[in-house]
Amino acid sequence: KAGGIIACEDPRHPFPAMHPEVRRGLLDTAKRLDPLVLRWGR
């Protein structure tokens, strides 16, 4: 959802939903690395 490609934030089975703080931390780390996938759908 953050990159504009996948509309659903739910993980695939068997993974449980991610805690919002963990998700935010992972996205912050990814944004610093500037991966193409976070800019792909824009």
PDB file of N, CA and C in Angstrom:
ATOM      1  N   LYS A   1       0.825  -1.185   0.000  1.00  0.00           N
ATOM      2  CA  LYS A   1       0.000   0.000   0.000  1.00  0.00           C
ATOM      3  C   LYS A   1       0.875   1.255   0.000  1.00  0.00           C
ATOM      4  N   ALA A   2       1.978   1.219   0.680  1.00  0.00           N
ATOM      5  CA  ALA A   2       2.858   2.390   0.758  1.00  0.00           C
ATOM      6  C   ALA A   2       3.443   2.750  -0.601  1.00  0.00           C
ATOM      7  N   GLY A   3       3.697   1.758  -1.434  1.00  0.00           N
ATOM      8  CA  GLY A   3       4.257   2.018  -2.757  1.00  0.00           C
ATOM      9  C   GLY A   3       3.216   2.281  -3.822  1.00  0.00           C
ATOM     10  N   GLY A   4       1.939   2.116  -3.473  1.00  0.00           N
ATOM     11  CA  GLY A   4       0.868   2.379  -4.419  1.00  0.00           C
ATOM     12  C   GLY A   4       0.535   1.225  -5.336  1.00  0.00           C
ATOM     13  N   ILE A   5       1.053   0.036  -5.049  1.00  0.00           N
ATOM     14  CA  ILE A   5       0.801  -1.108  -5.920  1.00  0.00           C
ATOM     15  C   ILE A   5      -0.172  -2.089  -5.280  1.00  0.00           C
ATOM     16  N   ILE A   6       0.066  -2.468  -4.049  1.00  0.00           N
ATOM     17  CA  ILE A   6      -0.788  -3.430  -3.348  1.00  0.00           C
ATOM     18  C   ILE A   6      -1.796  -2.662  -2.502  1.00  0.00           C
ATOM     19  N   ALA A   7      -3.079  -2.957  -2.689  1.00  0.00           N
ATOM     20  CA  ALA A   7      -4.136  -2.203  -2.004  1.00  0.00           C
ATOM     21  C   ALA A   7      -4.399  -2.687  -0.579  1.00  0.00           C
ATOM     22  N   CYS A   8      -4.031  -3.914  -0.274  1.00  0.00           N
ATOM     23  CA  CYS A   8      -4.345  -4.498   1.032  1.00  0.00           C
ATOM     24  C   CYS A   8      -3.078  -4.611   1.883  1.00  0.00           C
ATOM     25  N   GLU A   9      -3.184  -4.207   3.139  1.00  0.00           N
ATOM     26  CA  GLU A   9      -2.025  -4.270   4.039  1.00  0.00           C
ATOM     27  C   GLU A   9      -1.920  -5.602   4.779  1.00  0.00           C
ATOM     28  N   ASP A  10      -2.915  -6.467   4.619  1.00  0.00           N
ATOM     29  CA  ASP A  10      -2.898  -7.747   5.322  1.00  0.00           C
ATOM     30  C   ASP A  10      -1.823  -8.660   4.741  1.00  0.00           C
ATOM     31  N   PRO A  11      -1.064  -9.330   5.618  1.00  0.00           N
ATOM     32  CA  PRO A  11      -0.039 -10.259   5.131  1.00  0.00           C
ATOM     33  C   PRO A  11      -0.671 -11.560   4.637  1.00  0.00           C
ATOM     34  N   ARG A  12       0.081 -12.322   3.900  1.00  0.00           N
ATOM     35  CA  ARG A  12      -0.395 -13.628   3.436  1.00  0.00           C
ATOM     36  C   ARG A  12      -0.331 -14.639   4.570  1.00  0.00           C
ATOM     37  N   HIS A  13      -1.196 -15.610   4.484  1.00  0.00           N
ATOM     38  CA  HIS A  13      -1.212 -16.700   5.450  1.00  0.00           C
ATOM     39  C   HIS A  13       0.129 -17.430   5.361  1.00  0.00           C
ATOM     40  N   PRO A  14       0.761 -17.807   6.407  1.00  0.00           N
ATOM     41  CA  PRO A  14       0.368 -17.921   7.806  1.00  0.00           C
ATOM     42  C   PRO A  14       0.862 -16.769   8.674  1.00  0.00           C
ATOM     43  N   PHE A  15       1.294 -15.662   8.086  1.00  0.00           N
ATOM     44  CA  PHE A  15       1.846 -14.561   8.876  1.00  0.00           C
ATOM     45  C   PHE A  15       0.743 -13.734   9.530  1.00  0.00           C
ATOM     46  N   PRO A  16       0.916 -13.387  10.808  1.00  0.00           N
ATOM     47  CA  PRO A  16      -0.084 -12.550  11.490  1.00  0.00           C
ATOM     48  C   PRO A  16       0.051 -11.086  11.051  1.00  0.00           C
ATOM     49  N   ALA A  17      -0.945 -10.303  11.364  1.00  0.00           N
ATOM     50  CA  ALA A  17      -0.902  -8.875  11.042  1.00  0.00           C
ATOM     51  C   ALA A  17       0.264  -8.215  11.782  1.00  0.00           C
ATOM     52  N   MET A  18       0.879  -7.248  11.143  1.00  0.00           N
ATOM     53  CA  MET A  18       2.024  -6.558  11.721  1.00  0.00           C
ATOM     54  C   MET A  18       1.547  -5.435  12.646  1.00  0.00           C
ATOM     55  N   HIS A  19       2.229  -5.268  13.757  1.00  0.00           N
ATOM     56  CA  HIS A  19       1.906  -4.179  14.679  1.00  0.00           C
ATOM     57  C   HIS A  19       2.196  -2.851  13.960  1.00  0.00           C
ATOM     58  N   PRO A  20       1.336  -1.849  14.110  1.00  0.00           N
ATOM     59  CA  PRO A  20       1.524  -0.576  13.395  1.00  0.00           C
ATOM     60  C   PRO A  20       2.889   0.083  13.625  1.00  0.00           C
ATOM     61  N   GLU A  21       3.428  -0.022  14.831  1.00  0.00           N
ATOM     62  CA  GLU A  21       4.743   0.577  15.103  1.00  0.00           C
ATOM     63  C   GLU A  21       5.856  -0.156  14.360  1.00  0.00           C
ATOM     64  N   VAL A  22       5.739  -1.477  14.259  1.00  0.00           N
ATOM     65  CA  VAL A  22       6.731  -2.269  13.524  1.00  0.00           C
ATOM     66  C   VAL A  22       6.668  -1.905  12.044  1.00  0.00           C
ATOM     67  N   ARG A  23       5.457  -1.824  11.510  1.00  0.00           N
ATOM     68  CA  ARG A  23       5.267  -1.463  10.103  1.00  0.00           C
ATOM     69  C   ARG A  23       5.853  -0.080   9.820  1.00  0.00           C
ATOM     70  N   ARG A  24       5.568   0.868  10.699  1.00  0.00           N
ATOM     71  CA  ARG A  24       6.074   2.236  10.542  1.00  0.00           C
ATOM     72  C   ARG A  24       7.606   2.248  10.561  1.00  0.00           C
ATOM     73  N   GLY A  25       8.201   1.480  11.475  1.00  0.00           N
ATOM     74  CA  GLY A  25       9.660   1.412  11.554  1.00  0.00           C
ATOM     75  C   GLY A  25      10.283   0.805  10.311  1.00  0.00           C
ATOM     76  N   LEU A  26       9.667  -0.244   9.784  1.00  0.00           N
ATOM     77  CA  LEU A  26      10.185  -0.872   8.569  1.00  0.00           C
ATOM     78  C   LEU A  26      10.070   0.069   7.370  1.00  0.00           C
ATOM     79  N   LEU A  27       8.950   0.780   7.274  1.00  0.00           N
ATOM     80  CA  LEU A  27       8.785   1.732   6.170  1.00  0.00           C
ATOM     81  C   LEU A  27       9.761   2.897   6.287  1.00  0.00           C
ATOM     82  N   ASP A  28      10.003   3.373   7.507  1.00  0.00           N
ATOM     83  CA  ASP A  28      10.982   4.450   7.705  1.00  0.00           C
ATOM     84  C   ASP A  28      12.375   4.005   7.259  1.00  0.00           C
ATOM     85  N   THR A  29      12.739   2.786   7.619  1.00  0.00           N
ATOM     86  CA  THR A  29      14.037   2.241   7.212  1.00  0.00           C
ATOM     87  C   THR A  29      14.101   2.103   5.697  1.00  0.00           C
ATOM     88  N   ALA A  30      13.038   1.587   5.108  1.00  0.00           N
ATOM     89  CA  ALA A  30      13.008   1.407   3.655  1.00  0.00           C
ATOM     90  C   ALA A  30      13.080   2.747   2.928  1.00  0.00           C
ATOM     91  N   LYS A  31      12.397   3.760   3.436  1.00  0.00           N
ATOM     92  CA  LYS A  31      12.416   5.074   2.784  1.00  0.00           C
ATOM     93  C   LYS A  31      13.815   5.678   2.788  1.00  0.00           C
ATOM     94  N   ARG A  32      14.571   5.429   3.848  1.00  0.00           N
ATOM     95  CA  ARG A  32      15.951   5.939   3.900  1.00  0.00           C
ATOM     96  C   ARG A  32      16.820   5.263   2.849  1.00  0.00           C
ATOM     97  N   LEU A  33      16.517   4.001   2.542  1.00  0.00           N
ATOM     98  CA  LEU A  33      17.284   3.267   1.535  1.00  0.00           C
ATOM     99  C   LEU A  33      16.810   3.587   0.119  1.00  0.00           C
ATOM    100  N   ASP A  34      15.649   4.252  -0.003  1.00  0.00           N
ATOM    101  CA  ASP A  34      15.068   4.694  -1.269  1.00  0.00           C
ATOM    102  C   ASP A  34      14.930   3.573  -2.306  1.00  0.00           C
ATOM    103  N   PRO A  35      14.216   2.497  -1.976  1.00  0.00           N
ATOM    104  CA  PRO A  35      14.044   1.423  -2.952  1.00  0.00           C
ATOM    105  C   PRO A  35      13.059   1.831  -4.055  1.00  0.00           C
ATOM    106  N   LEU A  36      13.281   1.323  -5.233  1.00  0.00           N
ATOM    107  CA  LEU A  36      12.415   1.606  -6.376  1.00  0.00           C
ATOM    108  C   LEU A  36      10.970   1.196  -6.110  1.00  0.00           C
ATOM    109  N   VAL A  37      10.771   0.127  -5.373  1.00  0.00           N
ATOM    110  CA  VAL A  37       9.419  -0.385  -5.144  1.00  0.00           C
ATOM    111  C   VAL A  37       8.522   0.625  -4.424  1.00  0.00           C
ATOM    112  N   LEU A  38       9.086   1.498  -3.599  1.00  0.00           N
ATOM    113  CA  LEU A  38       8.267   2.498  -2.917  1.00  0.00           C
ATOM    114  C   LEU A  38       7.892   3.666  -3.834  1.00  0.00           C
ATOM    115  N   ARG A  39       8.502   3.755  -5.010  1.00  0.00           N
ATOM    116  CA  ARG A  39       8.187   4.821  -5.971  1.00  0.00           C
ATOM    117  C   ARG A  39       7.507   4.286  -7.221  1.00  0.00           C
ATOM    118  N   TRP A  40       7.421   2.980  -7.358  1.00  0.00           N
ATOM    119  CA  TRP A  40       6.966   2.325  -8.579  1.00  0.00           C
ATOM    120  C   TRP A  40       5.553   2.732  -9.002  1.00  0.00           C
ATOM    121  N   GLY A  41       4.603   2.723  -8.082  1.00  0.00           N
ATOM    122  CA  GLY A  41       3.202   2.973  -8.430  1.00  0.00           C
ATOM    123  C   GLY A  41       2.822   4.437  -8.509  1.00  0.00           C
ATOM    124  N   ARG A  42       3.757   5.329  -8.383  1.00  0.00           N
ATOM    125  CA  ARG A  42       3.419   6.765  -8.372  1.00  0.00           C
ATOM    126  C   ARG A  42       3.742   7.437  -9.667  1.00  0.00           C
TER     127      ARG A  42
END
